Every structure is written in C-alpha cells, then in structure tokens.
Amino acid sequence: MSSAPQSPAPTVPRTAVERDVVPEDILINITPQETRVAVVADGAVQELHIERSANRGLVGNIYMGKVVRVLPGMQSAFVEIGLERAAFLHVADIWQGRHSQGEEGRNGLPKPALVKPIEKILTEGQPLMVQVIKDPIGSKGARLSTQISIAGRLLVYLPQDPHIGISQRIEDEAERRALRERLQQMVPPDEKGGFIIRTMAETATDEELANDIAYLRRLWANICERATTASPPALLYHDLWLAERVLRDFATRDTGRIIVDSRENFLKLQRFAQLYTPNVADKLEHYTGERPLFDLYNIEEEIQRALERRVDLKSGGYLIMDQTEAMTTIDVNTGGFVGLRNFDDTIFKTNLEAAQVIARQLRLRNLGGIIIIDFIDMENPDHREAVLAELNKALSRDRTKMTVNGFTALGLVEMTRKRTRESLEHVLCEPCKTCGGRGVVKTARTVCYEILREILREARQFNAREFRILASQSVIDMFLEEESQSLAMLGDFIGKPISLQVETSYTQEQYDVILI
C-alpha cells in the first residue's frame, strides 16, 4: 500500500517523553565460562547482557598506553594498550587538545581554544594514559579517550574536569539545583576534579554521597600511583565484572528481586552490595531450585527467538529485522491480521503494537548505530503521530542514549542508538562458513556452469589427458541428471574425457578441477 510523500517530522527529543517506571526483576546466571544477566519486566525479557571470561568487555578500563602511529590526515592516532589490535584515538577525544587555560569568555567560563592538530599534541612512542570508551567491534579496534571518568554508585568522577554535572534523567530543575549545592558543599577544597550526579543519587543521604566521593578519590589516587611505575602497555584499572555492574548501574529502588543461581557468587555479591550498594542488598536472593534459572523463566527460548529475523506480533503481524554493517532495518507487516473494521484501523493497530515490540527488541538484541523502521504506510497524519509517540514512550525505558526522528518523505522512521558493545547476534553467532554470511548460496546449476567454463579455460591453456571434477553431492547429481548433456557436449568439444567425483567435505559452492 502506498501513500503520498510526507514532509519530515521534527526530531522528537528523548527528554520530552516521560520514562515509565516498571518493576523489574534481575536474573543472574553464572558459570565459570560466562555470566548472563536478564532483566525481566511485564513477564518478558527486556534486556540481556552476556560477559564471557575469555573476552570480557573493555569499556571503562584505564591503560597506560604507547602511541605507535600518528595520522595527521585523519587527525587520529593508534595507541598500543596490549590488545590484539591497536586502539583508535581521535583528536576530539584528547582532553588536553580541547580546552584552553585562563582566558575567559562572556559567561565567565573558560573560553574553548581551537583544537590543536594531533601531530602537535602526540608523538610516536609517547606514553599516554587512556580509557576505553568503545569495545572492539568487528574489524575495528577499541576506541579511546584521554578524558578519564570513573563510575561509582551515585557519582561519576572526572579527575581532570572541575565541573559538577547532573544526569539528564533528573528533570526537576529545583531538585537539580539542590543536588548540585549539596555536592558542592561536600567536595574537599583541594579537589581539582569534578563529578556527575547519577540518577540513583536522587534519594541518597549526605553520608552515602560522602562515601562515594571518598571511594572514587581513593581509587583515582591508586590509579595515578600505578601509572608512575607502569611500563606501557599496562592495565591500570579494570571496571567491575558484569554482576557487580548490575548492582551498581541497573538495580534501583524500583527493582523487585535480584536472583543469583551461584552460591559462591551470591555471597560475593552480598559483600559487594553491603559495601557499595546497601540500598539493594536486601533484594538479593539465592536460587536453589532444580530447574536451571533461565529455563524456569523461559529466557533460553527468548534468546533463541532474539537471533531470528522474524518477530511475530500477537495480533498476527510480524517484523523482519536485518542487521548489516551500515545499519539495521526493521520492516513491519500486517501478516494474517485482518480483525478490525477497516484496513486503516488494522494498519494502525499493527503499527502501535510494532512500536512497543521494536523498542523491546532493540534492548534485547542490543542493536546500535543507524536504525531504519519501515512502518506500514498510514494515510492519516494523526495515526502517524500516535505511532511515533508510542515508539518514543516505549523507548523511554532504554538506558542507552538515542535520537528519534519523525517520518521521512518515504514514510520511514530514522533513529540512532549508541553502540558501545557487540550486539547479541555478534556475541553468540559467527558468519556462516557455507555462505560467508550472505544468507544465500549459489544453486547447484550455477556451480555446474562455473565448472564447465573453468574446464574450457584450462583445456585451452593446458594439454591434459583427462579432467576430473571434485564437487559436492548436489553438484555431481546435477551433472549426472539435468546437466549430463551439457557435460557430454563439452567433452566432445575439447576432445578429452571428463570424470566426476563426490567430495563430501565440500559445500555446494566449492569445487576443484583436477588435470590428469
């Protein structure tokens, strides 16, 4: 169904949508090989986080690195931090190059200086303290910044920036002002750094804030001490493991239960919670049932569904989700849903349901980058606005930064979601060795014709006594049946016998032509 092109709607600010508070249960499954965390709300899995012992995430880690290459043309540098691939540092992420000292602007704040060229800031072989801001993804190395930030329970410490910021999720202006004033009074006079107040600090006591400040300052002092003696590349600080980060970042007063299926790790998390997150310590539970925890809550089944292209809607419609290198596309279809009074209402109902499901799938699959949503065309402008509002409402639960634009002239919704780690598909899967990740393979007939052309090419180049074809069973069968005449005609043309041999280890696209 087509509609007349619509003018692009204005960008819908994320802060304009009120965030729903939905009670969440957190399930933690721990084995020696991996830790898996599922966030469950409304009876469905909303988020899934996986951390494997063999390749733990690097975001937040602080290293003493060594500059190995400066690229003036890209205004970037490669820094060796001890990983398989050198990490990437852009000039915009170099703190020293972004700010001037002393000169004030009209508002009394330091006036920003022109960013120095990277070749005037860094030299090859230079030691440099850096922090990972993005994990290695695909063929790209980790992304770095020289601006250090260390997350605590209530605050984020910025040792290089004397600034007090407040989380955007705290929207009440009076509350923001009160929190800033409270923190300013607690910061020691000799403190040269700054802090960002996290959402969890809304209900924190002065004692809790003071403890967080002391902990973060002590941690930074230890990092600086290590940096003076470390020989690059060296790890100075690594972020908490997944289960501890869950207690620090995910668990709030609205969290229902935090269920852990490992006795040993349950005790570890209890000790951690009593020290750093006492307000959620009583929510921790040890699961002792016979059935695996993730089986009990149907999470294993949900993981399998999250790896499929098709997502079925309750109404009978469905989504097709395709993840590519450049972007993720989501196509909405009515499927077998024809239940309402007219076709417009059917489309509207399907799109509304799709908006809710898309928001959940983005969190569950951890999809990032550019996302294009092709809702079913709607003639009614009110319907488009309602669907867009529903999408923004559903996305408001997401902890990840994103931007959502209105409908384009082609009826598509464009959005971005910040990508800091691999998607669920990239963590659990690899490209198919048969098709190379294309999702399709050449037909047996196509491969037969390629082989015939190869034999003709080699017959003109070499004076062989006989040609032998090694190929998969399906290709050999095609030569023996439907393409037997083509093979005989080629044999007559080149005047040489052609024999066939099945190679069971070959995929349908693989073959060899042997000269005898």
Protein backbone atom coordinates (compact mmCIF):
# COMPACT_ATOMS: atom_id res chain seq x y z
CA MET A 1 0.00 0.00 0.00
CA SER A 2 1.44 3.40 -0.90
CA SER A 3 0.80 6.90 0.35
CA ALA A 4 1.71 10.40 -0.74
CA PRO A 5 5.15 11.50 0.44
CA GLN A 6 5.04 13.26 3.78
CA SER A 7 7.33 16.02 4.92
CA PRO A 8 9.81 15.01 7.58
CA ALA A 9 8.56 15.42 11.12
CA PRO A 10 10.73 17.29 13.59
CA THR A 11 13.09 15.39 15.81
CA VAL A 12 11.33 14.24 18.96
CA PRO A 13 13.52 14.99 21.97
CA ARG A 14 14.11 11.97 24.17
CA THR A 15 13.74 14.02 27.31
CA ALA A 16 10.26 15.06 26.31
CA VAL A 17 8.93 11.58 26.87
CA GLU A 18 8.22 10.66 30.45
CA ARG A 19 10.06 7.49 31.45
CA ASP A 20 7.82 4.69 32.58
CA VAL A 21 8.71 3.11 35.90
CA VAL A 22 8.07 -0.60 35.56
CA PRO A 23 9.11 -3.02 38.33
CA GLU A 24 11.94 -5.20 37.06
CA ASP A 25 13.40 -8.48 38.24
CA ILE A 26 17.06 -9.18 37.51
CA LEU A 27 18.15 -12.78 36.94
CA ILE A 28 21.86 -13.60 37.08
CA ASN A 29 23.13 -16.92 35.72
CA ILE A 30 26.82 -17.53 36.49
CA THR A 31 29.12 -20.28 35.25
CA PRO A 32 32.94 -20.33 35.20
CA GLN A 33 32.82 -19.59 31.46
CA GLU A 34 30.27 -16.77 31.31
CA THR A 35 27.90 -14.54 33.23
CA ARG A 36 24.43 -13.86 31.81
CA VAL A 37 22.04 -11.24 33.11
CA ALA A 38 18.39 -10.98 32.09
CA VAL A 39 16.18 -8.02 33.03
CA VAL A 40 12.55 -9.15 33.18
CA ALA A 41 9.54 -6.80 33.28
CA ASP A 42 5.89 -7.29 32.36
CA GLY A 43 6.58 -11.04 32.18
CA ALA A 44 9.02 -10.65 29.26
CA VAL A 45 12.78 -10.32 28.91
CA GLN A 46 13.65 -6.67 28.29
CA GLU A 47 17.44 -6.80 28.30
CA LEU A 48 20.09 -9.46 28.04
CA HIS A 49 23.76 -8.98 28.92
CA ILE A 50 26.45 -11.60 28.38
CA GLU A 51 30.04 -11.43 29.55
CA ARG A 52 32.44 -14.26 28.84
CA SER A 53 35.57 -14.91 30.84
CA ALA A 54 37.57 -15.35 27.63
CA ASN A 55 36.69 -11.89 26.29
CA ARG A 56 35.39 -9.51 28.95
CA GLY A 57 34.24 -6.07 27.83
CA LEU A 58 36.86 -3.32 27.98
CA VAL A 59 34.72 -0.19 28.29
CA GLY A 60 35.78 1.77 31.36
CA ASN A 61 39.23 0.15 31.58
CA ILE A 62 42.14 2.56 32.04
CA TYR A 63 45.53 1.79 30.46
CA MET A 64 48.96 3.30 30.27
CA GLY A 65 49.37 3.05 26.51
CA LYS A 66 52.03 3.94 23.97
CA VAL A 67 51.37 5.94 20.81
CA VAL A 68 52.50 3.77 17.89
CA ARG A 69 51.30 5.85 14.94
CA VAL A 70 50.03 9.39 14.39
CA LEU A 71 47.88 10.01 11.30
CA PRO A 72 47.64 13.78 10.60
CA GLY A 73 45.39 13.15 7.57
CA MET A 74 42.73 11.50 9.79
CA GLN A 75 43.60 13.61 12.87
CA SER A 76 43.85 10.31 14.72
CA ALA A 77 46.40 8.08 16.37
CA PHE A 78 46.80 4.39 17.07
CA VAL A 79 47.71 3.52 20.64
CA GLU A 80 49.11 0.18 21.82
CA ILE A 81 47.34 -0.93 25.02
CA GLY A 82 48.16 -4.64 24.95
CA LEU A 83 45.24 -5.90 22.82
CA GLU A 84 45.26 -7.89 19.57
CA ARG A 85 44.72 -4.68 17.56
CA ALA A 86 45.99 -1.20 18.34
CA ALA A 87 43.27 1.07 19.71
CA PHE A 88 42.00 4.22 17.98
CA LEU A 89 42.21 7.76 19.41
CA HIS A 90 40.66 10.74 17.61
CA VAL A 91 41.79 14.30 18.27
CA ALA A 92 38.28 15.18 19.56
CA ASP A 93 38.78 12.65 22.37
CA ILE A 94 42.06 14.17 23.55
CA TRP A 95 41.27 16.25 26.60
CA GLN A 96 44.45 18.33 26.52
CA GLY A 97 43.70 19.48 22.99
CA ARG A 98 40.17 20.73 23.61
CA HIS A 99 40.41 23.35 26.29
CA SER A 100 42.36 26.50 26.82
CA GLN A 101 43.55 27.61 30.19
CA GLY A 102 42.99 31.00 31.76
CA GLU A 103 41.18 33.04 29.09
CA GLU A 104 37.54 33.63 29.98
CA GLY A 105 34.56 34.02 27.72
CA ARG A 106 31.49 36.23 28.21
CA ASN A 107 29.85 33.84 30.69
CA GLY A 108 32.94 33.61 32.91
CA LEU A 109 33.71 30.04 31.85
CA PRO A 110 37.00 29.05 30.19
CA LYS A 111 36.92 30.00 26.55
CA PRO A 112 37.39 26.99 24.30
CA ALA A 113 40.52 27.12 22.23
CA LEU A 114 40.90 25.98 18.70
CA VAL A 115 41.64 22.26 18.72
CA LYS A 116 45.34 21.72 18.13
CA PRO A 117 46.34 19.39 15.29
CA ILE A 118 47.03 15.92 16.65
CA GLU A 119 50.63 15.95 15.38
CA LYS A 120 51.31 18.88 17.77
CA ILE A 121 49.82 17.01 20.74
CA LEU A 122 51.13 13.45 20.32
CA THR A 123 54.38 11.92 19.15
CA GLU A 124 55.13 8.30 18.28
CA GLY A 125 56.49 6.36 21.25
CA GLN A 126 54.86 8.73 23.77
CA PRO A 127 53.33 7.09 26.89
CA LEU A 128 49.71 8.10 27.38
CA MET A 129 47.01 7.36 29.95
CA VAL A 130 43.81 6.43 28.11
CA GLN A 131 40.39 4.98 28.82
CA VAL A 132 38.37 2.65 26.58
CA ILE A 133 35.05 4.25 25.56
CA LYS A 134 34.03 1.65 22.96
CA ASP A 135 34.82 -2.06 22.77
CA PRO A 136 36.47 -3.53 19.67
CA ILE A 137 33.65 -4.28 17.23
CA GLY A 138 34.17 -6.46 14.16
CA SER A 139 37.42 -5.48 12.48
CA LYS A 140 37.67 -2.17 14.36
CA GLY A 141 39.92 -1.77 17.37
CA ALA A 142 38.82 -0.25 20.67
CA ARG A 143 38.12 3.50 20.79
CA LEU A 144 39.93 5.56 23.39
CA SER A 145 39.69 8.88 25.20
CA THR A 146 42.20 10.71 27.35
CA GLN A 147 39.39 12.17 29.46
CA ILE A 148 39.15 9.78 32.39
CA SER A 149 35.84 9.08 34.12
CA ILE A 150 35.33 6.56 36.94
CA ALA A 151 31.82 5.43 37.80
CA GLY A 152 30.72 4.94 41.38
CA ARG A 153 27.32 4.02 42.73
CA LEU A 154 25.96 7.57 42.96
CA LEU A 155 28.58 9.67 41.18
CA VAL A 156 30.89 9.63 38.17
CA TYR A 157 34.30 11.11 38.98
CA LEU A 158 36.02 13.36 36.42
CA PRO A 159 39.53 13.87 37.82
CA GLN A 160 40.60 16.25 35.01
CA ASP A 161 37.48 18.44 34.81
CA PRO A 162 36.39 20.71 37.71
CA HIS A 163 32.74 20.54 36.79
CA ILE A 164 29.62 19.27 38.53
CA GLY A 165 27.05 17.83 36.15
CA ILE A 166 23.72 16.13 36.71
CA SER A 167 22.09 13.21 34.91
CA GLN A 168 19.55 14.30 32.28
CA ARG A 169 17.07 11.84 33.75
CA ILE A 170 16.70 14.10 36.78
CA GLU A 171 14.39 16.60 35.10
CA ASP A 172 13.07 18.70 38.01
CA GLU A 173 15.07 21.96 37.96
CA ALA A 174 14.68 22.64 41.70
CA GLU A 175 15.91 19.13 42.50
CA ARG A 176 18.88 19.52 40.15
CA ARG A 177 19.85 22.79 41.81
CA ALA A 178 19.53 21.30 45.31
CA LEU A 179 21.65 18.26 44.42
CA ARG A 180 24.37 20.46 42.92
CA GLU A 181 24.51 22.66 46.03
CA ARG A 182 24.67 19.62 48.34
CA LEU A 183 27.54 18.10 46.40
CA GLN A 184 29.49 21.38 46.19
CA GLN A 185 29.47 21.58 49.98
CA MET A 186 30.86 18.03 50.28
CA VAL A 187 33.67 18.25 47.75
CA PRO A 188 37.01 18.74 49.55
CA PRO A 189 38.63 22.16 48.97
CA ASP A 190 41.75 20.58 47.47
CA GLU A 191 39.76 18.62 44.84
CA LYS A 192 40.80 19.57 41.31
CA GLY A 193 38.34 17.24 39.56
CA GLY A 194 34.57 17.21 39.19
CA PHE A 195 31.59 14.88 39.46
CA ILE A 196 28.46 13.90 37.55
CA ILE A 197 25.50 13.12 39.77
CA ARG A 198 23.82 9.88 38.67
CA THR A 199 20.07 9.26 38.72
CA MET A 200 20.42 6.98 41.75
CA ALA A 201 21.64 9.94 43.84
CA GLU A 202 18.14 11.47 43.90
CA THR A 203 17.32 9.79 47.21
CA ALA A 204 20.87 9.44 48.57
CA THR A 205 21.86 10.73 52.00
CA ASP A 206 24.79 13.07 52.61
CA GLU A 207 26.70 10.18 54.18
CA GLU A 208 26.24 8.00 51.07
CA LEU A 209 27.41 10.81 48.79
CA ALA A 210 30.44 11.49 51.01
CA ASN A 211 31.35 7.77 51.00
CA ASP A 212 31.15 7.68 47.20
CA ILE A 213 33.39 10.77 46.90
CA ALA A 214 35.97 9.24 49.26
CA TYR A 215 35.90 5.88 47.42
CA LEU A 216 36.35 7.46 43.97
CA ARG A 217 39.17 9.78 45.12
CA ARG A 218 40.97 6.84 46.76
CA LEU A 219 40.57 4.78 43.57
CA TRP A 220 42.00 7.59 41.40
CA ALA A 221 44.97 8.01 43.74
CA ASN A 222 45.74 4.29 43.35
CA ILE A 223 45.50 4.56 39.54
CA CYS A 224 47.89 7.54 39.49
CA GLU A 225 50.32 5.68 41.73
CA ARG A 226 50.32 2.68 39.39
CA ALA A 227 50.76 4.94 36.36
CA THR A 228 54.05 6.33 37.69
CA THR A 229 55.68 2.90 37.80
CA ALA A 230 53.89 1.08 34.95
CA SER A 231 55.72 0.28 31.73
CA PRO A 232 53.35 0.74 28.75
CA PRO A 233 51.28 -1.01 27.63
CA ALA A 234 49.82 -1.75 31.09
CA LEU A 235 46.35 -2.09 32.58
CA LEU A 236 45.89 0.43 35.41
CA TYR A 237 42.25 -0.19 36.27
CA HIS A 238 39.55 -2.54 35.05
CA ASP A 239 35.85 -1.97 35.51
CA LEU A 240 33.70 -4.22 37.65
CA TRP A 241 32.61 -7.60 36.28
CA LEU A 242 29.09 -7.85 34.91
CA ALA A 243 27.22 -8.99 38.04
CA GLU A 244 28.77 -6.17 40.11
CA ARG A 245 27.96 -3.59 37.43
CA VAL A 246 24.35 -4.79 37.55
CA LEU A 247 24.18 -3.94 41.25
CA ARG A 248 25.86 -0.58 40.66
CA ASP A 249 24.07 0.54 37.48
CA PHE A 250 20.83 -1.40 36.98
CA ALA A 251 19.42 -2.06 40.43
CA THR A 252 17.26 0.75 41.81
CA ARG A 253 14.58 1.17 44.44
CA ASP A 254 12.07 0.05 41.79
CA THR A 255 13.90 -3.26 41.23
CA GLY A 256 11.91 -6.22 42.53
CA ARG A 257 14.26 -9.18 43.07
CA ILE A 258 17.85 -9.88 42.09
CA ILE A 259 18.10 -13.66 41.77
CA VAL A 260 21.53 -15.36 41.58
CA ASP A 261 21.93 -19.06 40.82
CA SER A 262 25.50 -19.48 42.14
CA ARG A 263 26.02 -19.79 45.92
CA GLU A 264 29.65 -18.65 45.86
CA ASN A 265 28.93 -15.63 43.69
CA PHE A 266 25.79 -14.81 45.66
CA LEU A 267 27.96 -14.41 48.77
CA LYS A 268 30.45 -12.27 46.81
CA LEU A 269 27.66 -10.03 45.55
CA GLN A 270 26.23 -9.77 49.06
CA ARG A 271 29.57 -8.47 50.37
CA PHE A 272 29.86 -6.06 47.42
CA ALA A 273 26.31 -4.79 47.93
CA GLN A 274 26.82 -4.20 51.67
CA LEU A 275 29.89 -2.08 50.91
CA TYR A 276 28.81 -0.13 47.83
CA THR A 277 25.08 -0.60 47.21
CA PRO A 278 23.45 -1.15 50.61
CA ASN A 279 20.01 0.00 49.40
CA VAL A 280 19.69 -3.06 47.11
CA ALA A 281 21.45 -5.62 49.34
CA ASP A 282 18.13 -6.94 50.71
CA LYS A 283 16.85 -7.59 47.17
CA LEU A 284 19.47 -10.29 46.53
CA GLU A 285 18.18 -13.86 46.53
CA HIS A 286 19.96 -17.17 46.02
CA TYR A 287 18.13 -19.54 43.65
CA THR A 288 18.31 -23.16 44.79
CA GLY A 289 15.73 -24.80 42.51
CA GLU A 290 16.47 -27.93 40.48
CA ARG A 291 15.49 -26.44 37.12
CA PRO A 292 18.05 -24.03 35.62
CA LEU A 293 17.11 -20.44 36.42
CA PHE A 294 16.89 -19.30 32.80
CA ASP A 295 14.76 -22.31 31.88
CA LEU A 296 12.32 -21.53 34.67
CA TYR A 297 11.70 -18.04 33.27
CA ASN A 298 11.79 -19.14 29.57
CA ILE A 299 14.84 -17.00 28.93
CA GLU A 300 16.68 -19.65 26.90
CA GLU A 301 13.75 -19.77 24.50
CA GLU A 302 13.72 -15.96 24.33
CA ILE A 303 17.42 -15.91 23.43
CA GLN A 304 16.80 -18.28 20.52
CA ARG A 305 13.96 -16.10 19.24
CA ALA A 306 16.16 -12.99 19.50
CA LEU A 307 18.55 -14.50 16.95
CA GLU A 308 15.83 -14.93 14.30
CA ARG A 309 14.99 -12.43 11.53
CA ARG A 310 11.27 -12.70 12.05
CA VAL A 311 9.49 -11.48 15.18
CA ASP A 312 5.81 -12.39 15.44
CA LEU A 313 3.31 -9.91 16.87
CA LYS A 314 0.36 -11.04 18.99
CA SER A 315 -2.09 -9.51 16.52
CA GLY A 316 -0.85 -11.74 13.68
CA GLY A 317 1.52 -9.21 12.13
CA TYR A 318 5.28 -9.61 12.18
CA LEU A 319 8.61 -7.77 11.95
CA ILE A 320 11.59 -8.58 9.75
CA MET A 321 14.85 -7.37 11.32
CA ASP A 322 18.04 -7.29 9.25
CA GLN A 323 21.33 -6.28 10.82
CA THR A 324 24.03 -5.10 8.42
CA GLU A 325 27.39 -3.38 8.75
CA ALA A 326 25.95 0.04 7.94
CA MET A 327 22.57 -0.07 9.66
CA THR A 328 19.70 -2.17 10.98
CA THR A 329 16.43 -2.22 9.03
CA ILE A 330 13.08 -3.18 10.52
CA ASP A 331 10.10 -3.91 8.27
CA VAL A 332 6.57 -4.08 9.73
CA ASN A 333 3.98 -6.32 8.04
CA THR A 334 0.31 -7.00 8.78
CA GLY A 335 0.64 -10.72 8.09
CA GLY A 336 -2.63 -12.50 8.83
CA PHE A 337 -4.14 -9.72 10.97
CA VAL A 338 -7.45 -8.58 9.45
CA GLY A 339 -9.56 -8.30 12.57
CA LEU A 340 -10.67 -4.68 12.74
CA ARG A 341 -13.42 -2.69 10.98
CA ASN A 342 -11.37 -1.39 8.11
CA PHE A 343 -7.90 -1.65 6.66
CA ASP A 344 -6.71 1.71 8.09
CA ASP A 345 -7.54 0.60 11.64
CA THR A 346 -5.82 -2.72 11.02
CA ILE A 347 -2.64 -0.93 9.91
CA PHE A 348 -2.81 1.50 12.83
CA LYS A 349 -3.25 -1.27 15.40
CA THR A 350 -0.38 -3.29 13.89
CA ASN A 351 1.96 -0.27 13.88
CA LEU A 352 1.15 0.58 17.51
CA GLU A 353 1.94 -2.96 18.62
CA ALA A 354 5.06 -2.99 16.44
CA ALA A 355 6.35 0.22 18.10
CA GLN A 356 6.27 -1.46 21.52
CA VAL A 357 7.89 -4.67 20.27
CA ILE A 358 10.61 -2.79 18.33
CA ALA A 359 11.67 -0.89 21.46
CA ARG A 360 11.98 -4.15 23.39
CA GLN A 361 13.84 -5.92 20.58
CA LEU A 362 16.40 -3.10 20.33
CA ARG A 363 17.20 -3.54 24.01
CA LEU A 364 17.13 -7.32 23.91
CA ARG A 365 19.34 -7.63 20.82
CA ASN A 366 21.46 -4.61 21.81
CA LEU A 367 21.25 -3.13 18.33
CA GLY A 368 23.14 0.11 17.79
CA GLY A 369 24.10 2.60 15.11
CA ILE A 370 21.62 3.75 12.46
CA ILE A 371 18.19 2.07 12.63
CA ILE A 372 15.56 2.47 9.89
CA ILE A 373 11.97 1.45 10.68
CA ASP A 374 9.54 0.89 7.82
CA PHE A 375 6.11 1.06 9.42
CA ILE A 376 3.13 0.13 7.25
CA ASP A 377 2.04 3.25 5.32
CA MET A 378 -0.56 5.34 7.13
CA GLU A 379 -2.69 7.92 5.32
CA ASN A 380 -3.95 9.57 8.50
CA PRO A 381 -1.44 12.12 10.00
CA ASP A 382 -2.95 11.57 13.47
CA HIS A 383 -2.15 7.87 13.19
CA ARG A 384 1.48 8.65 12.29
CA GLU A 385 1.82 10.99 15.27
CA ALA A 386 0.26 8.43 17.61
CA VAL A 387 2.63 5.68 16.40
CA LEU A 388 5.64 7.98 16.80
CA ALA A 389 4.51 8.94 20.32
CA GLU A 390 4.07 5.26 21.22
CA LEU A 391 7.55 4.47 19.89
CA ASN A 392 9.12 7.24 21.97
CA LYS A 393 7.20 6.16 25.06
CA ALA A 394 8.37 2.56 24.65
CA LEU A 395 11.96 3.71 24.02
CA SER A 396 11.97 5.81 27.19
CA ARG A 397 12.74 2.67 29.22
CA ASP A 398 16.04 2.27 27.40
CA ARG A 399 19.19 3.13 29.35
CA THR A 400 21.13 3.74 26.15
CA LYS A 401 21.38 7.18 24.54
CA MET A 402 19.39 7.53 21.31
CA THR A 403 17.79 10.01 18.95
CA VAL A 404 14.49 9.51 17.14
CA ASN A 405 13.37 11.48 14.08
CA GLY A 406 9.89 11.72 12.67
CA PHE A 407 8.59 10.16 9.46
CA THR A 408 10.62 10.96 6.35
CA ALA A 409 9.21 11.71 2.91
CA LEU A 410 9.37 7.98 2.18
CA GLY A 411 7.39 7.11 5.30
CA LEU A 412 10.40 5.74 7.21
CA VAL A 413 11.38 6.47 10.81
CA GLU A 414 15.09 7.13 11.28
CA MET A 415 16.75 6.72 14.64
CA THR A 416 20.16 6.09 16.17
CA ARG A 417 21.09 4.11 19.26
CA LYS A 418 24.52 4.44 20.80
CA ARG A 419 26.67 1.37 20.21
CA THR A 420 29.26 0.62 22.91
CA ARG A 421 29.43 -3.18 22.71
CA GLU A 422 28.68 -6.01 20.31
CA SER A 423 25.08 -6.92 19.55
CA LEU A 424 23.62 -10.17 20.86
CA GLU A 425 23.93 -11.74 17.40
CA HIS A 426 27.62 -10.84 17.13
CA VAL A 427 28.32 -12.20 20.63
CA LEU A 428 26.57 -15.55 20.11
CA CYS A 429 26.99 -16.16 16.37
CA GLU A 430 29.54 -16.04 13.57
CA PRO A 431 29.15 -15.77 9.78
CA CYS A 432 28.08 -19.00 8.11
CA LYS A 433 31.08 -20.80 6.63
CA THR A 434 28.94 -22.14 3.78
CA CYS A 435 27.51 -18.86 2.53
CA GLY A 436 30.08 -16.47 4.02
CA GLY A 437 27.38 -14.55 5.87
CA ARG A 438 25.40 -13.69 2.73
CA GLY A 439 22.41 -15.79 3.76
CA VAL A 440 22.23 -17.42 0.30
CA VAL A 441 24.32 -19.90 -1.70
CA LYS A 442 24.70 -20.39 -5.44
CA THR A 443 22.42 -23.02 -6.92
CA ALA A 444 23.86 -26.35 -7.99
CA ARG A 445 23.12 -25.41 -11.62
CA THR A 446 25.07 -22.12 -11.28
CA VAL A 447 28.07 -24.02 -9.89
CA CYS A 448 27.83 -26.55 -12.76
CA TYR A 449 28.06 -23.76 -15.34
CA GLU A 450 31.05 -22.23 -13.48
CA ILE A 451 32.80 -25.63 -13.62
CA LEU A 452 32.10 -26.00 -17.35
CA ARG A 453 33.64 -22.56 -18.01
CA GLU A 454 36.65 -23.45 -15.85
CA ILE A 455 37.26 -26.70 -17.75
CA LEU A 456 37.06 -24.87 -21.09
CA ARG A 457 39.52 -22.25 -19.82
CA GLU A 458 42.01 -24.87 -18.65
CA ALA A 459 41.63 -27.03 -21.77
CA ARG A 460 42.83 -24.07 -23.85
CA GLN A 461 45.73 -23.41 -21.50
CA PHE A 462 46.95 -26.93 -20.67
CA ASN A 463 47.27 -30.16 -22.63
CA ALA A 464 45.82 -32.57 -20.06
CA ARG A 465 44.95 -36.19 -20.72
CA GLU A 466 41.75 -36.06 -18.61
CA PHE A 467 39.79 -33.63 -16.42
CA ARG A 468 38.30 -34.68 -13.07
CA ILE A 469 35.62 -32.67 -11.29
CA LEU A 470 35.60 -32.71 -7.47
CA ALA A 471 32.40 -31.22 -6.08
CA SER A 472 29.59 -31.66 -3.56
CA GLN A 473 26.93 -34.36 -3.92
CA SER A 474 24.26 -31.92 -5.17
CA VAL A 475 26.51 -30.60 -7.97
CA ILE A 476 27.59 -34.09 -9.07
CA ASP A 477 23.93 -35.17 -9.10
CA MET A 478 23.10 -32.20 -11.31
CA PHE A 479 25.87 -33.25 -13.76
CA LEU A 480 24.59 -36.83 -13.79
CA GLU A 481 20.97 -35.85 -14.40
CA GLU A 482 19.79 -32.50 -15.75
CA GLU A 483 23.17 -31.23 -16.99
CA SER A 484 24.54 -34.57 -18.31
CA GLN A 485 24.08 -33.43 -21.90
CA SER A 486 26.00 -30.17 -21.24
CA LEU A 487 28.89 -32.14 -19.77
CA ALA A 488 28.93 -34.58 -22.73
CA MET A 489 28.88 -31.72 -25.24
CA LEU A 490 31.86 -30.08 -23.54
CA GLY A 491 33.78 -33.38 -23.51
CA ASP A 492 33.20 -33.76 -27.24
CA PHE A 493 34.21 -30.15 -27.89
CA ILE A 494 37.57 -30.34 -26.09
CA GLY A 495 38.17 -33.95 -27.13
CA LYS A 496 39.09 -35.07 -23.60
CA PRO A 497 37.28 -37.30 -21.12
CA ILE A 498 35.70 -35.64 -18.03
CA SER A 499 35.14 -37.71 -14.86
CA LEU A 500 33.13 -36.91 -11.72
CA GLN A 501 33.98 -37.44 -8.05
CA VAL A 502 31.95 -36.56 -4.96
CA GLU A 503 33.87 -34.72 -2.22
CA THR A 504 31.76 -34.96 0.93
CA SER A 505 33.63 -32.21 2.78
CA TYR A 506 32.84 -29.61 0.09
CA THR A 507 29.98 -27.14 0.39
CA GLN A 508 27.71 -26.58 -2.58
CA GLU A 509 29.83 -23.67 -3.85
CA GLN A 510 33.20 -25.42 -3.52
CA TYR A 511 34.78 -27.40 -6.35
CA ASP A 512 38.11 -28.34 -7.90
CA VAL A 513 39.07 -29.28 -11.45
CA ILE A 514 41.95 -31.77 -11.45
CA LEU A 515 44.17 -32.17 -14.52
CA ILE A 516 45.32 -35.75 -15.08
